[in-house]
Amino acid sequence: MIAPDAVGEEDIDKLIIPDDLPNEQPTFKAYIEAKVYDKEGHIIDYRRQPMRSLTQYFLALMSIPLIGTFQGGSSYNASYILTNVLGLPSQISTYSYAGANYNANISWNWSIQLGSGTQAFSPTLTGLDAPILNGTGSGELLYGSLGVGYSGASIFILEAVSNSSSSAVSVTEIGLQATIYIQYLNSSETYTYNTYSFLLSYDTFSTAISIPVGGMATFQIVLSFTG
C-alpha cells in the first residue's frame, strides 16, 4: 500500500513565498526551490522562495556578456572587471610562438552548496557560514551530480542530496557557487589551467529544512531573464 505524501497541494501553496513585489515586472528573476522526501520517497516538505542575495561576483559574471572581456592583440593584461572585481590575475601567460601570442580562455561551471549555519548577507561574502560536507558522517550529506538545464531565457541548476548518516540533517543556508577555469599555453608548450571559485549568491531559509535519515532532498535554483 502506498501512503499519501505528508505535504498536500494546499500546504505547498502556503510555503511558497511570492516571487515579485506588487506591480513589479523585473527583467531578472531568481528563486530557490527545495523538496524533501522521506525514505519511502514521499514528499514531506516543500519550499519555494525568491533568491534575493546576489553577490558582487554574480553581478560581475553577468556583466561580462554586456561589457566584454576581450583585449586587443597588443595587450597582455586582463580587463578591469576580471582583475578588480573577480580578483583574477592581470596576466596569466605571455607565451608566443612564431610571432603569434596565445591568449587565455575562460570557462566556468556551477555548483550548489548547502549549510547548517547562518550569517548576515554582504555582497562580498565568499562562502557559507557552516558548509555541509559531502559524506555519510554526522551532519553530512551525500551530494549527487549537479544538473544544469536551459529553457528559453531561463537557467535551471539542480542538486540532489541524500542523508546516509545516523541522524537528521538540518539545512538553513544555501549558496550558488561558480568555478572559473583559465586555460592557457605555458612556456613548455602545454595547455594547462588554473581554477578560481566564487560565491554567487547567499540565502537562508526562514525555518530549517530537515532531511531525515534515509531521506533525500532536491534543491533547485532558477535564473530567468526577460525583456
Protein backbone atom coordinates (compact mmCIF):
# COMPACT_ATOMS: atom_id res chain seq x y z
CA MET A 1 0.00 0.00 0.00
CA ILE A 2 1.33 3.45 -0.94
CA ALA A 3 0.92 6.12 1.71
CA PRO A 4 -0.05 9.65 0.66
CA ASP A 5 2.51 12.46 0.69
CA ALA A 6 2.76 14.20 4.05
CA VAL A 7 2.55 17.58 2.30
CA GLY A 8 -0.51 18.28 0.19
CA GLU A 9 -1.10 20.85 -2.56
CA GLU A 10 -2.72 23.31 -0.13
CA ASP A 11 0.24 23.02 2.23
CA ILE A 12 2.65 23.62 -0.64
CA ASP A 13 0.80 26.79 -1.64
CA LYS A 14 1.25 28.15 1.88
CA LEU A 15 5.01 27.52 1.75
CA ILE A 16 5.55 29.44 -1.50
CA ILE A 17 6.84 32.97 -1.00
CA PRO A 18 5.72 35.27 -3.85
CA ASP A 19 8.48 35.98 -6.35
CA ASP A 20 7.56 39.60 -7.02
CA LEU A 21 6.52 42.73 -5.23
CA PRO A 22 3.10 44.25 -6.13
CA ASN A 23 3.11 45.77 -9.63
CA GLU A 24 6.70 44.64 -10.12
CA GLN A 25 7.82 43.46 -13.55
CA PRO A 26 11.53 42.68 -13.22
CA THR A 27 13.74 41.73 -16.18
CA PHE A 28 15.67 39.29 -13.96
CA LYS A 29 14.07 36.84 -11.56
CA ALA A 30 15.61 34.07 -9.48
CA TYR A 31 14.15 31.65 -6.98
CA ILE A 32 15.10 28.67 -4.84
CA GLU A 33 13.02 25.52 -4.66
CA ALA A 34 13.53 22.67 -2.18
CA LYS A 35 11.72 19.33 -1.93
CA VAL A 36 12.33 16.86 0.89
CA TYR A 37 11.48 13.15 0.67
CA ASP A 38 11.34 10.52 3.41
CA LYS A 39 12.97 7.11 2.99
CA GLU A 40 9.79 5.80 1.30
CA GLY A 41 10.02 8.53 -1.33
CA HIS A 42 7.08 10.65 -0.14
CA ILE A 43 7.33 14.45 -0.18
CA ILE A 44 7.33 15.70 3.41
CA ASP A 45 8.42 19.32 2.90
CA TYR A 46 8.42 21.85 0.08
CA ARG A 47 9.87 25.36 -0.08
CA ARG A 48 9.93 27.98 -2.81
CA GLN A 49 11.28 31.47 -2.23
CA PRO A 50 12.86 34.32 -4.19
CA MET A 51 16.64 34.39 -4.34
CA ARG A 52 17.44 37.88 -3.08
CA SER A 53 21.07 37.93 -2.05
CA LEU A 54 23.31 38.17 -5.11
CA THR A 55 26.97 38.91 -4.52
CA GLN A 56 29.25 41.22 -6.46
CA TYR A 57 30.79 38.15 -8.11
CA PHE A 58 27.45 37.19 -9.66
CA LEU A 59 26.97 40.73 -10.94
CA ALA A 60 30.50 40.72 -12.38
CA LEU A 61 29.91 37.45 -14.25
CA MET A 62 26.59 38.66 -15.62
CA SER A 63 28.15 41.91 -16.81
CA ILE A 64 30.80 40.13 -18.88
CA PRO A 65 28.47 39.49 -21.87
CA LEU A 66 27.49 43.18 -21.77
CA ILE A 67 30.85 44.92 -21.48
CA GLY A 68 33.07 42.13 -22.81
CA THR A 69 36.47 40.96 -21.62
CA PHE A 70 38.30 40.93 -24.95
CA GLN A 71 41.64 42.69 -25.10
CA GLY A 72 43.38 43.59 -28.34
CA GLY A 73 46.39 41.73 -29.65
CA SER A 74 48.72 44.42 -28.28
CA SER A 75 47.66 43.87 -24.65
CA TYR A 76 48.72 41.09 -22.31
CA ASN A 77 46.54 42.27 -19.41
CA ALA A 78 43.05 41.17 -18.37
CA SER A 79 40.23 43.70 -18.37
CA TYR A 80 39.18 45.69 -15.30
CA ILE A 81 36.11 43.61 -14.40
CA LEU A 82 38.20 40.43 -14.19
CA THR A 83 41.02 41.83 -12.09
CA ASN A 84 39.29 44.31 -9.78
CA VAL A 85 36.00 42.55 -9.01
CA LEU A 86 36.69 38.86 -9.57
CA GLY A 87 40.30 39.18 -8.44
CA LEU A 88 41.69 37.16 -11.36
CA PRO A 89 45.32 37.69 -12.32
CA SER A 90 46.09 40.59 -14.64
CA GLN A 91 48.43 38.43 -16.68
CA ILE A 92 48.43 34.64 -16.93
CA SER A 93 50.79 33.95 -19.81
CA THR A 94 52.86 35.89 -22.35
CA TYR A 95 53.92 32.83 -24.27
CA SER A 96 54.26 33.35 -28.01
CA TYR A 97 55.28 31.12 -30.87
CA ALA A 98 56.32 32.09 -34.37
CA GLY A 99 55.42 35.69 -33.64
CA ALA A 100 51.86 34.87 -32.53
CA ASN A 101 50.60 35.48 -28.99
CA TYR A 102 48.44 32.82 -27.34
CA ASN A 103 45.55 34.28 -25.38
CA ALA A 104 43.99 32.71 -22.29
CA ASN A 105 40.48 31.28 -22.49
CA ILE A 106 37.90 31.39 -19.71
CA SER A 107 35.19 28.81 -18.93
CA TRP A 108 33.13 28.22 -15.80
CA ASN A 109 30.56 25.94 -14.20
CA TRP A 110 28.01 25.98 -11.37
CA SER A 111 27.62 24.23 -8.03
CA ILE A 112 25.15 24.42 -5.14
CA GLN A 113 26.45 24.41 -1.56
CA LEU A 114 24.24 23.74 1.46
CA GLY A 115 24.98 24.77 5.02
CA SER A 116 23.79 24.45 8.60
CA GLY A 117 24.70 27.95 9.81
CA THR A 118 23.55 31.50 9.20
CA GLN A 119 25.22 34.86 8.70
CA ALA A 120 24.38 38.39 7.66
CA PHE A 121 24.47 38.92 3.91
CA SER A 122 27.17 41.03 2.31
CA PRO A 123 27.92 41.48 -1.42
CA THR A 124 31.50 40.42 -0.66
CA LEU A 125 30.69 37.08 1.02
CA THR A 126 32.98 34.32 -0.19
CA GLY A 127 31.42 31.27 1.49
CA LEU A 128 28.69 29.82 3.67
CA ASP A 129 28.80 30.08 7.45
CA ALA A 130 28.83 26.30 8.07
CA PRO A 131 29.05 24.30 4.81
CA ILE A 132 27.63 20.78 4.94
CA LEU A 133 30.31 18.36 3.79
CA ASN A 134 29.87 15.55 1.30
CA GLY A 135 29.81 12.26 3.17
CA THR A 136 27.93 9.85 5.42
CA GLY A 137 29.16 11.07 8.81
CA SER A 138 27.20 13.02 11.39
CA GLY A 139 25.86 16.27 9.90
CA GLU A 140 26.98 15.33 6.37
CA LEU A 141 25.02 14.76 3.16
CA LEU A 142 25.82 12.83 0.02
CA TYR A 143 25.79 15.24 -2.93
CA GLY A 144 24.71 13.83 -6.29
CA SER A 145 25.70 15.02 -9.75
CA LEU A 146 24.72 18.59 -10.50
CA GLY A 147 22.21 19.11 -13.27
CA VAL A 148 22.10 22.29 -15.36
CA GLY A 149 19.40 22.91 -17.95
CA TYR A 150 18.30 25.72 -20.21
CA SER A 151 14.85 26.64 -21.47
CA GLY A 152 14.36 29.86 -23.37
CA ALA A 153 15.85 32.62 -21.21
CA SER A 154 15.87 30.53 -18.01
CA ILE A 155 18.70 28.52 -16.44
CA PHE A 156 17.92 25.64 -14.05
CA ILE A 157 20.56 24.40 -11.57
CA LEU A 158 19.52 21.24 -9.67
CA GLU A 159 21.32 19.42 -6.87
CA ALA A 160 20.10 16.22 -5.17
CA VAL A 161 21.38 15.18 -1.75
CA SER A 162 20.72 12.16 0.46
CA ASN A 163 21.15 11.50 4.16
CA SER A 164 23.03 8.29 4.90
CA SER A 165 24.07 9.34 8.41
CA SER A 166 22.51 8.20 11.68
CA SER A 167 20.56 11.39 12.41
CA ALA A 168 18.53 14.05 10.60
CA VAL A 169 20.48 16.87 8.93
CA SER A 170 19.23 20.45 9.05
CA VAL A 171 19.78 22.83 6.14
CA THR A 172 19.49 26.54 6.95
CA GLU A 173 21.56 28.22 4.22
CA ILE A 174 22.20 27.77 0.51
CA GLY A 175 24.66 29.28 -1.91
CA LEU A 176 25.18 29.23 -5.66
CA GLN A 177 28.85 28.89 -6.48
CA ALA A 178 30.90 29.10 -9.65
CA THR A 179 34.33 27.80 -10.55
CA ILE A 180 36.23 29.66 -13.26
CA TYR A 181 38.86 27.87 -15.33
CA ILE A 182 41.55 29.93 -17.07
CA GLN A 183 43.12 27.82 -19.81
CA TYR A 184 46.40 28.84 -21.42
CA LEU A 185 49.53 27.59 -23.15
CA ASN A 186 52.50 27.61 -20.78
CA SER A 187 56.19 28.03 -21.53
CA SER A 188 56.51 24.27 -22.04
CA GLU A 189 54.01 24.50 -24.91
CA THR A 190 51.47 22.55 -22.83
CA TYR A 191 47.87 23.61 -22.28
CA THR A 192 47.07 23.94 -18.59
CA TYR A 193 44.54 25.74 -16.44
CA ASN A 194 44.08 27.49 -13.10
CA THR A 195 40.82 27.44 -11.10
CA TYR A 196 39.12 30.15 -9.03
CA SER A 197 35.92 29.73 -7.00
CA PHE A 198 33.31 32.37 -6.18
CA LEU A 199 30.12 32.56 -4.14
CA LEU A 200 27.45 33.99 -6.45
CA SER A 201 24.51 34.10 -4.03
CA TYR A 202 23.73 33.52 -0.37
CA ASP A 203 20.26 32.91 1.09
CA THR A 204 18.82 31.43 4.26
CA PHE A 205 15.58 29.57 4.87
CA SER A 206 13.05 31.06 7.31
CA THR A 207 12.97 27.74 9.15
CA ALA A 208 15.44 24.88 8.91
CA ILE A 209 14.87 22.17 6.30
CA SER A 210 15.25 18.79 7.99
CA ILE A 211 16.37 15.84 5.86
CA PRO A 212 15.53 12.61 7.72
CA VAL A 213 17.72 9.53 7.99
CA GLY A 214 17.46 7.60 4.74
CA GLY A 215 15.70 10.53 3.08
CA MET A 216 16.76 12.83 0.31
CA ALA A 217 16.14 16.35 -0.96
CA THR A 218 16.43 18.29 -4.19
CA PHE A 219 17.46 21.94 -4.30
CA GLN A 220 16.89 23.91 -7.48
CA ILE A 221 17.89 27.46 -8.37
CA VAL A 222 16.20 29.05 -11.36
CA LEU A 223 17.55 32.18 -13.07
CA SER A 224 15.20 33.85 -15.56
CA PHE A 225 15.94 36.77 -17.87
CA THR A 226 13.16 38.69 -19.61
CA GLY A 227 12.74 41.93 -21.51
